[in-house]
């Protein structure tokens, strides 16, 4: 059995796998947990990140308002299911007014490292790039330098230094709705200067794993296990009816995370429910966060559904490890 390296978190949301269910990820039976109108001005709330915080949980949420203006908002919860999301977007503080000027903000991730919570998101600065900030209390947010030049999306930090360096996964892109995408990892000594970029994995050629044939991108913060970094990611297939987003998983080497040890040939979850198939962007499940319990190996996955609402799903470290090893690319 694989083991999650981390803290016990017995209070995370959980439902047992339904009897007779054979796939490795199953949905919360009261999805979606956050509806599109959860705050007065929101037109949709999706692609959001949550973490344990104090005696409950905190998160950063993508809310596209009724003007379809993309921004990120802080929120809090006691049980990680019922959320109180601030009605006003995050206002960043920092030394450089040019960086603080907002074009758009979307698809945040949150990662606790050492003594603070880092937020990464797709920031608008002459095109999409990776914004980076930190907070101690989810009230004051200090913005740092953008991690990369445009164009880039899906910046996801590793939860600890590796060989003395911070590391971040990302997906270089273009200025449009990118019709391509591979995952790279970059290193930094100080969270400001990023380099030593290494290719991790790309879209899968051919029809053996066509769900990830158009593009892929990193999802939640990688989960450290005794066998490697467990990465949940999204894969995209371009169909005659548009893009379809599904979830897969991979295992990366602990010390050299650009080396892929396993990768799932079959997706672990795809859009099959009405709230995943119908919305502002149909046929999308887009994972952005997990909560994990090291004692039981349980994993709760938070994902955007149809670019409209937030869903919750469950799995375990062994479910995903066994799925990858039984169905490798």
C-alpha atoms as a PDB file:
ATOM      1  CA  UNK A   1       0.000   0.000   0.000  1.00  0.00           C
ATOM      2  CA  UNK A   2       1.189   3.506  -0.838  1.00  0.00           C
ATOM      3  CA  UNK A   3       1.455   6.107   1.896  1.00  0.00           C
ATOM      4  CA  UNK A   4       0.790   9.839   1.754  1.00  0.00           C
ATOM      5  CA  UNK A   5       3.609  11.863   3.314  1.00  0.00           C
ATOM      6  CA  UNK A   6       1.925  14.629   5.276  1.00  0.00           C
ATOM      7  CA  UNK A   7      -0.445  15.425   8.086  1.00  0.00           C
ATOM      8  CA  UNK A   8      -3.434  13.572   9.402  1.00  0.00           C
ATOM      9  CA  UNK A   9      -6.609  15.443   8.502  1.00  0.00           C
ATOM     10  CA  UNK A  10      -9.471  13.250   9.697  1.00  0.00           C
ATOM     11  CA  UNK A  11     -12.120  15.936   9.238  1.00  0.00           C
ATOM     12  CA  UNK A  12     -11.936  16.195   5.450  1.00  0.00           C
ATOM     13  CA  UNK A  13     -15.154  15.541   3.545  1.00  0.00           C
ATOM     14  CA  UNK A  14     -15.626  11.869   2.788  1.00  0.00           C
ATOM     15  CA  UNK A  15     -18.084   9.354   1.414  1.00  0.00           C
ATOM     16  CA  UNK A  16     -17.296   5.674   0.924  1.00  0.00           C
ATOM     17  CA  UNK A  17     -17.007   4.260  -2.573  1.00  0.00           C
ATOM     18  CA  UNK A  18     -20.417   3.059  -3.780  1.00  0.00           C
ATOM     19  CA  UNK A  19     -20.840  -0.684  -3.768  1.00  0.00           C
ATOM     20  CA  UNK A  20     -20.096  -2.190  -7.157  1.00  0.00           C
ATOM     21  CA  UNK A  21     -18.490   1.015  -8.475  1.00  0.00           C
ATOM     22  CA  UNK A  22     -15.335   0.126 -10.415  1.00  0.00           C
ATOM     23  CA  UNK A  23     -13.795   3.481 -11.358  1.00  0.00           C
ATOM     24  CA  UNK A  24     -11.146   5.076  -9.122  1.00  0.00           C
ATOM     25  CA  UNK A  25     -12.910   8.403  -8.399  1.00  0.00           C
ATOM     26  CA  UNK A  26     -16.493   8.861  -7.218  1.00  0.00           C
ATOM     27  CA  UNK A  27     -18.593  11.999  -6.761  1.00  0.00           C
ATOM     28  CA  UNK A  28     -20.114  13.583  -3.671  1.00  0.00           C
ATOM     29  CA  UNK A  29     -23.801  12.778  -3.781  1.00  0.00           C
ATOM     30  CA  UNK A  30     -24.855  16.369  -3.112  1.00  0.00           C
ATOM     31  CA  UNK A  31     -22.864  18.051  -5.883  1.00  0.00           C
ATOM     32  CA  UNK A  32     -22.337  20.785  -6.822  1.00  0.00           C
ATOM     33  CA  UNK A  33     -21.136  22.073  -3.457  1.00  0.00           C
ATOM     34  CA  UNK A  34     -20.828  25.689  -4.674  1.00  0.00           C
ATOM     35  CA  UNK A  35     -23.429  26.963  -7.086  1.00  0.00           C
ATOM     36  CA  UNK A  36     -22.900  29.707  -9.632  1.00  0.00           C
ATOM     37  CA  UNK A  37     -24.792  32.358  -7.641  1.00  0.00           C
ATOM     38  CA  UNK A  38     -23.213  31.755  -4.214  1.00  0.00           C
ATOM     39  CA  UNK A  39     -22.463  35.483  -3.850  1.00  0.00           C
ATOM     40  CA  UNK A  40     -24.691  38.319  -5.058  1.00  0.00           C
ATOM     41  CA  UNK A  41     -22.648  39.363  -8.101  1.00  0.00           C
ATOM     42  CA  UNK A  42     -21.347  35.985  -9.285  1.00  0.00           C
ATOM     43  CA  UNK A  43     -22.389  34.576 -12.628  1.00  0.00           C
ATOM     44  CA  UNK A  44     -20.309  31.434 -12.062  1.00  0.00           C
ATOM     45  CA  UNK A  45     -17.900  30.049  -9.443  1.00  0.00           C
ATOM     46  CA  UNK A  46     -15.530  27.261 -10.477  1.00  0.00           C
ATOM     47  CA  UNK A  47     -11.834  26.221 -10.813  1.00  0.00           C
ATOM     48  CA  UNK A  48     -11.022  27.066  -7.181  1.00  0.00           C
ATOM     49  CA  UNK A  49      -8.541  25.994  -4.492  1.00  0.00           C
ATOM     50  CA  UNK A  50      -8.940  25.063  -0.807  1.00  0.00           C
ATOM     51  CA  UNK A  51      -6.561  24.252   2.071  1.00  0.00           C
ATOM     52  CA  UNK A  52      -6.767  23.456   5.786  1.00  0.00           C
ATOM     53  CA  UNK A  53      -6.636  26.693   7.785  1.00  0.00           C
ATOM     54  CA  UNK A  54      -6.779  27.229  11.562  1.00  0.00           C
ATOM     55  CA  UNK A  55      -9.746  25.193  12.886  1.00  0.00           C
ATOM     56  CA  UNK A  56     -11.358  24.834   9.470  1.00  0.00           C
ATOM     57  CA  UNK A  57     -10.553  25.579   5.856  1.00  0.00           C
ATOM     58  CA  UNK A  58      -9.828  28.541   3.601  1.00  0.00           C
ATOM     59  CA  UNK A  59      -9.876  28.911  -0.131  1.00  0.00           C
ATOM     60  CA  UNK A  60      -9.419  31.136  -3.143  1.00  0.00           C
ATOM     61  CA  UNK A  61     -12.263  30.974  -5.630  1.00  0.00           C
ATOM     62  CA  UNK A  62     -12.624  31.929  -9.254  1.00  0.00           C
ATOM     63  CA  UNK A  63     -15.771  34.024  -9.583  1.00  0.00           C
ATOM     64  CA  UNK A  64     -16.789  35.388 -12.958  1.00  0.00           C
ATOM     65  CA  UNK A  65     -19.225  38.174 -12.091  1.00  0.00           C
ATOM     66  CA  UNK A  66     -22.401  39.216 -13.842  1.00  0.00           C
ATOM     67  CA  UNK A  67     -20.289  41.348 -16.174  1.00  0.00           C
ATOM     68  CA  UNK A  68     -18.200  38.209 -16.942  1.00  0.00           C
ATOM     69  CA  UNK A  69     -15.182  39.858 -15.354  1.00  0.00           C
ATOM     70  CA  UNK A  70     -12.748  37.189 -14.084  1.00  0.00           C
ATOM     71  CA  UNK A  71     -11.368  37.598 -10.557  1.00  0.00           C
ATOM     72  CA  UNK A  72     -10.444  35.601  -7.449  1.00  0.00           C
ATOM     73  CA  UNK A  73     -12.091  35.797  -4.033  1.00  0.00           C
ATOM     74  CA  UNK A  74     -11.196  34.471  -0.582  1.00  0.00           C
ATOM     75  CA  UNK A  75     -13.565  32.262   1.402  1.00  0.00           C
ATOM     76  CA  UNK A  76     -13.824  30.179   4.571  1.00  0.00           C
ATOM     77  CA  UNK A  77     -15.521  27.003   5.763  1.00  0.00           C
ATOM     78  CA  UNK A  78     -15.814  24.851   8.871  1.00  0.00           C
ATOM     79  CA  UNK A  79     -16.435  21.576   7.021  1.00  0.00           C
ATOM     80  CA  UNK A  80     -14.923  22.201   3.525  1.00  0.00           C
ATOM     81  CA  UNK A  81     -18.368  21.708   1.971  1.00  0.00           C
ATOM     82  CA  UNK A  82     -20.385  24.765   3.030  1.00  0.00           C
ATOM     83  CA  UNK A  83     -18.495  27.933   2.101  1.00  0.00           C
ATOM     84  CA  UNK A  84     -18.781  31.616   2.935  1.00  0.00           C
ATOM     85  CA  UNK A  85     -17.123  33.463   0.060  1.00  0.00           C
ATOM     86  CA  UNK A  86     -16.253  37.140   0.361  1.00  0.00           C
ATOM     87  CA  UNK A  87     -18.405  39.398  -1.777  1.00  0.00           C
ATOM     88  CA  UNK A  88     -15.448  41.463  -2.986  1.00  0.00           C
ATOM     89  CA  UNK A  89     -12.389  40.136  -4.855  1.00  0.00           C
ATOM     90  CA  UNK A  90      -8.939  39.936  -3.335  1.00  0.00           C
ATOM     91  CA  UNK A  91      -7.020  43.222  -3.330  1.00  0.00           C
ATOM     92  CA  UNK A  92      -3.283  42.600  -3.490  1.00  0.00           C
ATOM     93  CA  UNK A  93      -0.627  44.768  -1.877  1.00  0.00           C
ATOM     94  CA  UNK A  94       2.936  45.054  -3.097  1.00  0.00           C
ATOM     95  CA  UNK A  95       5.809  47.297  -4.081  1.00  0.00           C
ATOM     96  CA  UNK A  96       5.187  47.558  -7.823  1.00  0.00           C
ATOM     97  CA  UNK A  97       2.046  49.356  -8.946  1.00  0.00           C
ATOM     98  CA  UNK A  98       2.514  48.031 -12.476  1.00  0.00           C
ATOM     99  CA  UNK A  99       2.125  44.459 -11.273  1.00  0.00           C
ATOM    100  CA  UNK A 100      -0.836  45.317  -9.053  1.00  0.00           C
ATOM    101  CA  UNK A 101      -2.769  46.696 -12.025  1.00  0.00           C
ATOM    102  CA  UNK A 102      -5.393  44.086 -12.859  1.00  0.00           C
ATOM    103  CA  UNK A 103      -6.259  42.760 -16.313  1.00  0.00           C
ATOM    104  CA  UNK A 104      -7.926  39.519 -15.216  1.00  0.00           C
ATOM    105  CA  UNK A 105      -7.365  36.740 -12.696  1.00  0.00           C
ATOM    106  CA  UNK A 106      -8.512  33.134 -12.844  1.00  0.00           C
ATOM    107  CA  UNK A 107      -7.943  29.463 -11.929  1.00  0.00           C
ATOM    108  CA  UNK A 108      -6.113  29.846  -8.582  1.00  0.00           C
ATOM    109  CA  UNK A 109      -4.176  27.218  -6.670  1.00  0.00           C
ATOM    110  CA  UNK A 110      -3.128  27.489  -3.019  1.00  0.00           C
ATOM    111  CA  UNK A 111      -0.055  25.794  -1.528  1.00  0.00           C
ATOM    112  CA  UNK A 112       1.219  25.931   2.059  1.00  0.00           C
ATOM    113  CA  UNK A 113       5.035  26.061   2.196  1.00  0.00           C
ATOM    114  CA  UNK A 114       6.989  26.517   5.417  1.00  0.00           C
ATOM    115  CA  UNK A 115       5.103  29.328   7.164  1.00  0.00           C
ATOM    116  CA  UNK A 116       2.691  30.821   4.632  1.00  0.00           C
ATOM    117  CA  UNK A 117       0.120  30.125   1.965  1.00  0.00           C
ATOM    118  CA  UNK A 118       1.182  30.819  -1.607  1.00  0.00           C
ATOM    119  CA  UNK A 119      -1.423  31.587  -4.238  1.00  0.00           C
ATOM    120  CA  UNK A 120      -0.761  31.080  -7.930  1.00  0.00           C
ATOM    121  CA  UNK A 121      -3.240  32.037 -10.625  1.00  0.00           C
ATOM    122  CA  UNK A 122      -3.487  32.918 -14.281  1.00  0.00           C
ATOM    123  CA  UNK A 123      -2.683  36.612 -14.184  1.00  0.00           C
ATOM    124  CA  UNK A 124      -3.228  39.090 -16.979  1.00  0.00           C
ATOM    125  CA  UNK A 125      -0.037  40.974 -17.826  1.00  0.00           C
ATOM    126  CA  UNK A 126       0.150  41.584 -21.580  1.00  0.00           C
ATOM    127  CA  UNK A 127      -1.421  38.157 -21.919  1.00  0.00           C
ATOM    128  CA  UNK A 128      -1.821  35.203 -19.563  1.00  0.00           C
ATOM    129  CA  UNK A 129       1.043  34.504 -17.177  1.00  0.00           C
ATOM    130  CA  UNK A 130       1.459  33.049 -13.670  1.00  0.00           C
ATOM    131  CA  UNK A 131       0.720  35.444 -10.822  1.00  0.00           C
ATOM    132  CA  UNK A 132       2.251  34.700  -7.446  1.00  0.00           C
ATOM    133  CA  UNK A 133       1.359  35.982  -3.972  1.00  0.00           C
ATOM    134  CA  UNK A 134       1.315  34.864  -0.362  1.00  0.00           C
ATOM    135  CA  UNK A 135      -0.838  35.331   2.706  1.00  0.00           C
ATOM    136  CA  UNK A 136      -0.766  34.345   6.353  1.00  0.00           C
ATOM    137  CA  UNK A 137      -4.441  34.926   7.135  1.00  0.00           C
ATOM    138  CA  UNK A 138      -6.404  35.015   3.829  1.00  0.00           C
ATOM    139  CA  UNK A 139      -7.143  38.665   4.554  1.00  0.00           C
ATOM    140  CA  UNK A 140      -3.972  40.420   3.399  1.00  0.00           C
ATOM    141  CA  UNK A 141      -2.348  39.162   0.193  1.00  0.00           C
ATOM    142  CA  UNK A 142       1.179  40.199  -0.805  1.00  0.00           C
ATOM    143  CA  UNK A 143       1.796  40.039  -4.542  1.00  0.00           C
ATOM    144  CA  UNK A 144       5.230  38.995  -5.799  1.00  0.00           C
ATOM    145  CA  UNK A 145       6.720  39.145  -9.272  1.00  0.00           C
ATOM    146  CA  UNK A 146       4.942  37.169 -11.955  1.00  0.00           C
ATOM    147  CA  UNK A 147       6.709  33.840 -12.267  1.00  0.00           C
ATOM    148  CA  UNK A 148       6.989  33.787 -16.063  1.00  0.00           C
ATOM    149  CA  UNK A 149       6.682  35.844 -19.186  1.00  0.00           C
ATOM    150  CA  UNK A 150       3.438  35.563 -21.108  1.00  0.00           C
ATOM    151  CA  UNK A 151       2.157  33.160 -22.240  1.00  0.00           C
ATOM    152  CA  UNK A 152       1.590  30.613 -19.522  1.00  0.00           C
ATOM    153  CA  UNK A 153      -1.226  29.012 -17.555  1.00  0.00           C
ATOM    154  CA  UNK A 154      -1.803  26.587 -14.658  1.00  0.00           C
ATOM    155  CA  UNK A 155       1.033  27.463 -12.277  1.00  0.00           C
ATOM    156  CA  UNK A 156       1.126  24.823  -9.512  1.00  0.00           C
ATOM    157  CA  UNK A 157       3.736  24.819  -6.720  1.00  0.00           C
ATOM    158  CA  UNK A 158       5.188  21.750  -5.032  1.00  0.00           C
ATOM    159  CA  UNK A 159       4.481  21.838  -1.263  1.00  0.00           C
ATOM    160  CA  UNK A 160       8.133  21.809  -0.203  1.00  0.00           C
ATOM    161  CA  UNK A 161      11.569  22.607  -1.559  1.00  0.00           C
ATOM    162  CA  UNK A 162      13.214  19.867  -3.601  1.00  0.00           C
ATOM    163  CA  UNK A 163      17.001  19.795  -3.393  1.00  0.00           C
ATOM    164  CA  UNK A 164      16.894  23.267  -1.860  1.00  0.00           C
ATOM    165  CA  UNK A 165      14.763  24.833  -4.616  1.00  0.00           C
ATOM    166  CA  UNK A 166      11.151  25.824  -4.923  1.00  0.00           C
ATOM    167  CA  UNK A 167       9.519  24.094  -7.880  1.00  0.00           C
ATOM    168  CA  UNK A 168       6.486  24.922  -9.985  1.00  0.00           C
ATOM    169  CA  UNK A 169       4.614  23.069 -12.699  1.00  0.00           C
ATOM    170  CA  UNK A 170       3.095  25.115 -15.513  1.00  0.00           C
ATOM    171  CA  UNK A 171       1.740  24.903 -19.026  1.00  0.00           C
ATOM    172  CA  UNK A 172       3.221  27.321 -21.572  1.00  0.00           C
ATOM    173  CA  UNK A 173       0.507  28.503 -23.917  1.00  0.00           C
ATOM    174  CA  UNK A 174      -0.445  31.284 -26.295  1.00  0.00           C
ATOM    175  CA  UNK A 175      -2.668  34.322 -26.014  1.00  0.00           C
ATOM    176  CA  UNK A 176      -5.842  32.569 -27.186  1.00  0.00           C
ATOM    177  CA  UNK A 177      -7.814  29.523 -26.070  1.00  0.00           C
ATOM    178  CA  UNK A 178      -4.683  27.425 -26.426  1.00  0.00           C
ATOM    179  CA  UNK A 179      -5.124  24.463 -28.808  1.00  0.00           C
ATOM    180  CA  UNK A 180      -1.966  22.821 -27.443  1.00  0.00           C
ATOM    181  CA  UNK A 181      -0.200  22.362 -24.133  1.00  0.00           C
ATOM    182  CA  UNK A 182       2.500  20.355 -22.331  1.00  0.00           C
ATOM    183  CA  UNK A 183       3.557  20.354 -18.673  1.00  0.00           C
ATOM    184  CA  UNK A 184       6.944  21.745 -17.631  1.00  0.00           C
ATOM    185  CA  UNK A 185       8.610  22.166 -14.237  1.00  0.00           C
ATOM    186  CA  UNK A 186      10.702  25.198 -13.242  1.00  0.00           C
ATOM    187  CA  UNK A 187      12.969  25.867 -10.266  1.00  0.00           C
ATOM    188  CA  UNK A 188      13.614  28.949  -8.125  1.00  0.00           C
ATOM    189  CA  UNK A 189      15.917  29.780  -5.215  1.00  0.00           C
ATOM    190  CA  UNK A 190      13.727  32.635  -3.973  1.00  0.00           C
ATOM    191  CA  UNK A 191      10.203  32.546  -5.523  1.00  0.00           C
ATOM    192  CA  UNK A 192      11.238  35.355  -7.878  1.00  0.00           C
ATOM    193  CA  UNK A 193      13.817  34.046 -10.344  1.00  0.00           C
ATOM    194  CA  UNK A 194      12.607  30.953 -12.213  1.00  0.00           C
ATOM    195  CA  UNK A 195      14.753  28.778 -14.445  1.00  0.00           C
ATOM    196  CA  UNK A 196      16.108  25.284 -15.079  1.00  0.00           C
ATOM    197  CA  UNK A 197      12.898  24.580 -17.016  1.00  0.00           C
ATOM    198  CA  UNK A 198      12.407  20.870 -17.671  1.00  0.00           C
ATOM    199  CA  UNK A 199       9.822  19.053 -19.783  1.00  0.00           C
ATOM    200  CA  UNK A 200       7.622  16.734 -17.713  1.00  0.00           C
ATOM    201  CA  UNK A 201       5.086  15.297 -20.148  1.00  0.00           C
ATOM    202  CA  UNK A 202       2.998  16.284 -23.131  1.00  0.00           C
ATOM    203  CA  UNK A 203      -0.224  15.428 -24.872  1.00  0.00           C
ATOM    204  CA  UNK A 204      -0.569  11.774 -25.795  1.00  0.00           C
ATOM    205  CA  UNK A 205      -0.309  10.950 -29.501  1.00  0.00           C
ATOM    206  CA  UNK A 206      -2.638   8.490 -31.167  1.00  0.00           C
ATOM    207  CA  UNK A 207      -5.926   7.030 -29.990  1.00  0.00           C
ATOM    208  CA  UNK A 208      -4.731   4.755 -27.175  1.00  0.00           C
ATOM    209  CA  UNK A 209      -5.304   7.634 -24.741  1.00  0.00           C
ATOM    210  CA  UNK A 210      -7.191  10.161 -26.851  1.00  0.00           C
ATOM    211  CA  UNK A 211      -8.794  11.924 -23.880  1.00  0.00           C
ATOM    212  CA  UNK A 212      -5.437  13.747 -23.488  1.00  0.00           C
ATOM    213  CA  UNK A 213      -4.575  14.051 -27.176  1.00  0.00           C
ATOM    214  CA  UNK A 214      -4.970  17.837 -27.567  1.00  0.00           C
ATOM    215  CA  UNK A 215      -3.413  19.318 -24.416  1.00  0.00           C
ATOM    216  CA  UNK A 216      -2.771  18.671 -20.739  1.00  0.00           C
ATOM    217  CA  UNK A 217      -2.138  20.821 -17.685  1.00  0.00           C
ATOM    218  CA  UNK A 218      -1.297  20.375 -13.983  1.00  0.00           C
ATOM    219  CA  UNK A 219      -4.197  20.385 -11.550  1.00  0.00           C
ATOM    220  CA  UNK A 220      -3.950  20.410  -7.730  1.00  0.00           C
ATOM    221  CA  UNK A 221      -0.734  20.735  -5.728  1.00  0.00           C
ATOM    222  CA  UNK A 222       1.193  17.442  -6.121  1.00  0.00           C
ATOM    223  CA  UNK A 223       0.674  14.988  -3.265  1.00  0.00           C
ATOM    224  CA  UNK A 224       3.864  13.581  -1.751  1.00  0.00           C
ATOM    225  CA  UNK A 225       3.827   9.812  -1.291  1.00  0.00           C
ATOM    226  CA  UNK A 226       6.451   7.235  -0.395  1.00  0.00           C
ATOM    227  CA  UNK A 227       6.566   6.237  -4.087  1.00  0.00           C
ATOM    228  CA  UNK A 228       6.722   9.679  -5.698  1.00  0.00           C
ATOM    229  CA  UNK A 229       4.723  12.851  -6.316  1.00  0.00           C
ATOM    230  CA  UNK A 230       1.130  11.993  -7.158  1.00  0.00           C
ATOM    231  CA  UNK A 231      -0.120  14.480  -9.743  1.00  0.00           C
ATOM    232  CA  UNK A 232      -3.757  14.856 -10.721  1.00  0.00           C
ATOM    233  CA  UNK A 233      -3.979  16.706 -14.027  1.00  0.00           C
ATOM    234  CA  UNK A 234      -6.449  17.632 -16.730  1.00  0.00           C
ATOM    235  CA  UNK A 235      -6.393  16.333 -20.274  1.00  0.00           C
ATOM    236  CA  UNK A 236      -8.276  17.695 -23.264  1.00  0.00           C
ATOM    237  CA  UNK A 237      -9.658  16.184 -26.442  1.00  0.00           C
ATOM    238  CA  UNK A 238     -10.836  18.437 -29.249  1.00  0.00           C
ATOM    239  CA  UNK A 239     -14.051  17.046 -30.720  1.00  0.00           C
ATOM    240  CA  UNK A 240     -16.445  18.226 -33.413  1.00  0.00           C
ATOM    241  CA  UNK A 241     -18.440  19.793 -30.573  1.00  0.00           C
ATOM    242  CA  UNK A 242     -15.511  21.551 -28.870  1.00  0.00           C
ATOM    243  CA  UNK A 243     -13.011  20.727 -26.127  1.00  0.00           C
ATOM    244  CA  UNK A 244     -13.747  17.987 -23.541  1.00  0.00           C
ATOM    245  CA  UNK A 245     -11.820  18.203 -20.246  1.00  0.00           C
ATOM    246  CA  UNK A 246     -11.185  15.101 -18.128  1.00  0.00           C
ATOM    247  CA  UNK A 247      -8.944  14.147 -15.157  1.00  0.00           C
ATOM    248  CA  UNK A 248      -5.963  11.822 -15.149  1.00  0.00           C
ATOM    249  CA  UNK A 249      -3.106  11.050 -12.782  1.00  0.00           C
ATOM    250  CA  UNK A 250       0.632  10.542 -12.959  1.00  0.00           C
ATOM    251  CA  UNK A 251       3.479   9.702 -10.575  1.00  0.00           C
ATOM    252  CA  UNK A 252       6.620  11.867 -10.669  1.00  0.00           C
ATOM    253  CA  UNK A 253      10.040  11.124  -9.211  1.00  0.00           C
ATOM    254  CA  UNK A 254      10.518  12.645  -5.752  1.00  0.00           C
ATOM    255  CA  UNK A 255      13.921  14.205  -6.413  1.00  0.00           C
ATOM    256  CA  UNK A 256      13.644  14.819 -10.165  1.00  0.00           C
ATOM    257  CA  UNK A 257       9.956  15.562 -10.717  1.00  0.00           C
ATOM    258  CA  UNK A 258      10.381  15.979 -14.469  1.00  0.00           C
ATOM    259  CA  UNK A 259      10.785  12.191 -14.615  1.00  0.00           C
ATOM    260  CA  UNK A 260       7.440  10.415 -15.011  1.00  0.00           C
ATOM    261  CA  UNK A 261       7.256   7.019 -13.316  1.00  0.00           C
ATOM    262  CA  UNK A 262       3.642   6.205 -14.198  1.00  0.00           C
ATOM    263  CA  UNK A 263       0.874   7.904 -16.153  1.00  0.00           C
ATOM    264  CA  UNK A 264      -2.733   6.820 -16.506  1.00  0.00           C
ATOM    265  CA  UNK A 265      -3.785   5.703 -19.972  1.00  0.00           C
ATOM    266  CA  UNK A 266      -7.433   5.857 -18.953  1.00  0.00           C
ATOM    267  CA  UNK A 267      -8.909   8.986 -17.406  1.00  0.00           C
ATOM    268  CA  UNK A 268      -9.976   8.832 -13.766  1.00  0.00           C
ATOM    269  CA  UNK A 269     -13.065  11.035 -14.173  1.00  0.00           C
ATOM    270  CA  UNK A 270     -14.842  12.716 -17.046  1.00  0.00           C
ATOM    271  CA  UNK A 271     -17.911  14.915 -17.489  1.00  0.00           C
ATOM    272  CA  UNK A 272     -20.925  12.622 -17.202  1.00  0.00           C
ATOM    273  CA  UNK A 273     -23.267  14.516 -14.863  1.00  0.00           C
ATOM    274  CA  UNK A 274     -25.597  17.273 -16.071  1.00  0.00           C
ATOM    275  CA  UNK A 275     -23.764  19.977 -14.075  1.00  0.00           C
ATOM    276  CA  UNK A 276     -20.510  18.889 -15.785  1.00  0.00           C
ATOM    277  CA  UNK A 277     -21.961  18.598 -19.266  1.00  0.00           C
ATOM    278  CA  UNK A 278     -24.102  21.727 -19.241  1.00  0.00           C
ATOM    279  CA  UNK A 279     -22.942  25.206 -18.277  1.00  0.00           C
ATOM    280  CA  UNK A 280     -21.001  28.172 -19.584  1.00  0.00           C
ATOM    281  CA  UNK A 281     -18.432  25.792 -21.114  1.00  0.00           C
ATOM    282  CA  UNK A 282     -19.947  22.306 -21.565  1.00  0.00           C
ATOM    283  CA  UNK A 283     -18.142  19.017 -20.889  1.00  0.00           C
ATOM    284  CA  UNK A 284     -15.519  20.141 -18.391  1.00  0.00           C
ATOM    285  CA  UNK A 285     -14.148  18.681 -15.163  1.00  0.00           C
ATOM    286  CA  UNK A 286     -11.137  20.744 -14.097  1.00  0.00           C
ATOM    287  CA  UNK A 287      -9.350  19.751 -10.844  1.00  0.00           C
ATOM    288  CA  UNK A 288      -7.696  22.547  -8.854  1.00  0.00           C
ATOM    289  CA  UNK A 289      -7.328  21.309  -5.265  1.00  0.00           C
ATOM    290  CA  UNK A 290      -7.206  18.301  -2.970  1.00  0.00           C
ATOM    291  CA  UNK A 291      -7.475  17.711   0.744  1.00  0.00           C
ATOM    292  CA  UNK A 292      -5.620  14.626   1.988  1.00  0.00           C
ATOM    293  CA  UNK A 293      -5.518  12.557   5.155  1.00  0.00           C
ATOM    294  CA  UNK A 294      -2.156  10.822   5.586  1.00  0.00           C
ATOM    295  CA  UNK A 295      -3.551   8.357   8.133  1.00  0.00           C
ATOM    296  CA  UNK A 296      -6.203   6.838   5.859  1.00  0.00           C
ATOM    297  CA  UNK A 297      -4.894   7.768   2.397  1.00  0.00           C
ATOM    298  CA  UNK A 298      -8.157   9.539   1.625  1.00  0.00           C
ATOM    299  CA  UNK A 299      -8.205  12.290  -1.013  1.00  0.00           C
ATOM    300  CA  UNK A 300     -11.001  14.814  -1.582  1.00  0.00           C
ATOM    301  CA  UNK A 301     -10.800  16.478  -5.020  1.00  0.00           C
ATOM    302  CA  UNK A 302     -12.272  19.918  -5.750  1.00  0.00           C
ATOM    303  CA  UNK A 303     -13.006  20.585  -9.381  1.00  0.00           C
ATOM    304  CA  UNK A 304     -14.691  23.085 -11.644  1.00  0.00           C
ATOM    305  CA  UNK A 305     -17.678  21.719 -13.558  1.00  0.00           C
ATOM    306  CA  UNK A 306     -18.639  23.163 -16.952  1.00  0.00           C
ATOM    307  CA  UNK A 307     -16.908  26.449 -15.989  1.00  0.00           C
ATOM    308  CA  UNK A 308     -19.963  27.171 -13.867  1.00  0.00           C
ATOM    309  CA  UNK A 309     -19.973  25.451 -10.437  1.00  0.00           C
ATOM    310  CA  UNK A 310     -17.652  23.609  -8.001  1.00  0.00           C
ATOM    311  CA  UNK A 311     -17.892  19.846  -7.548  1.00  0.00           C
ATOM    312  CA  UNK A 312     -16.358  17.476  -4.996  1.00  0.00           C
ATOM    313  CA  UNK A 313     -15.121  13.932  -5.604  1.00  0.00           C
ATOM    314  CA  UNK A 314     -13.321  11.247  -3.600  1.00  0.00           C
ATOM    315  CA  UNK A 315     -10.574   8.709  -4.054  1.00  0.00           C
ATOM    316  CA  UNK A 316      -7.621   7.235  -2.150  1.00  0.00           C
ATOM    317  CA  UNK A 317      -3.913   7.107  -2.824  1.00  0.00           C
ATOM    318  CA  UNK A 318      -4.164   3.360  -3.430  1.00  0.00           C
ATOM    319  CA  UNK A 319      -7.063   3.741  -5.876  1.00  0.00           C
ATOM    320  CA  UNK A 320      -4.993   6.082  -8.031  1.00  0.00           C
ATOM    321  CA  UNK A 321      -1.750   4.134  -7.718  1.00  0.00           C
ATOM    322  CA  UNK A 322      -3.453   0.896  -8.664  1.00  0.00           C
ATOM    323  CA  UNK A 323      -5.251   2.554 -11.593  1.00  0.00           C
ATOM    324  CA  UNK A 324      -1.998   3.939 -13.037  1.00  0.00           C
ATOM    325  CA  UNK A 325      -0.102   0.702 -12.610  1.00  0.00           C
ATOM    326  CA  UNK A 326      -2.870  -1.404 -14.101  1.00  0.00           C
ATOM    327  CA  UNK A 327      -3.467   1.018 -17.003  1.00  0.00           C
ATOM    328  CA  UNK A 328      -0.155   2.744 -17.834  1.00  0.00           C
ATOM    329  CA  UNK A 329       0.527   4.874 -20.887  1.00  0.00           C
END
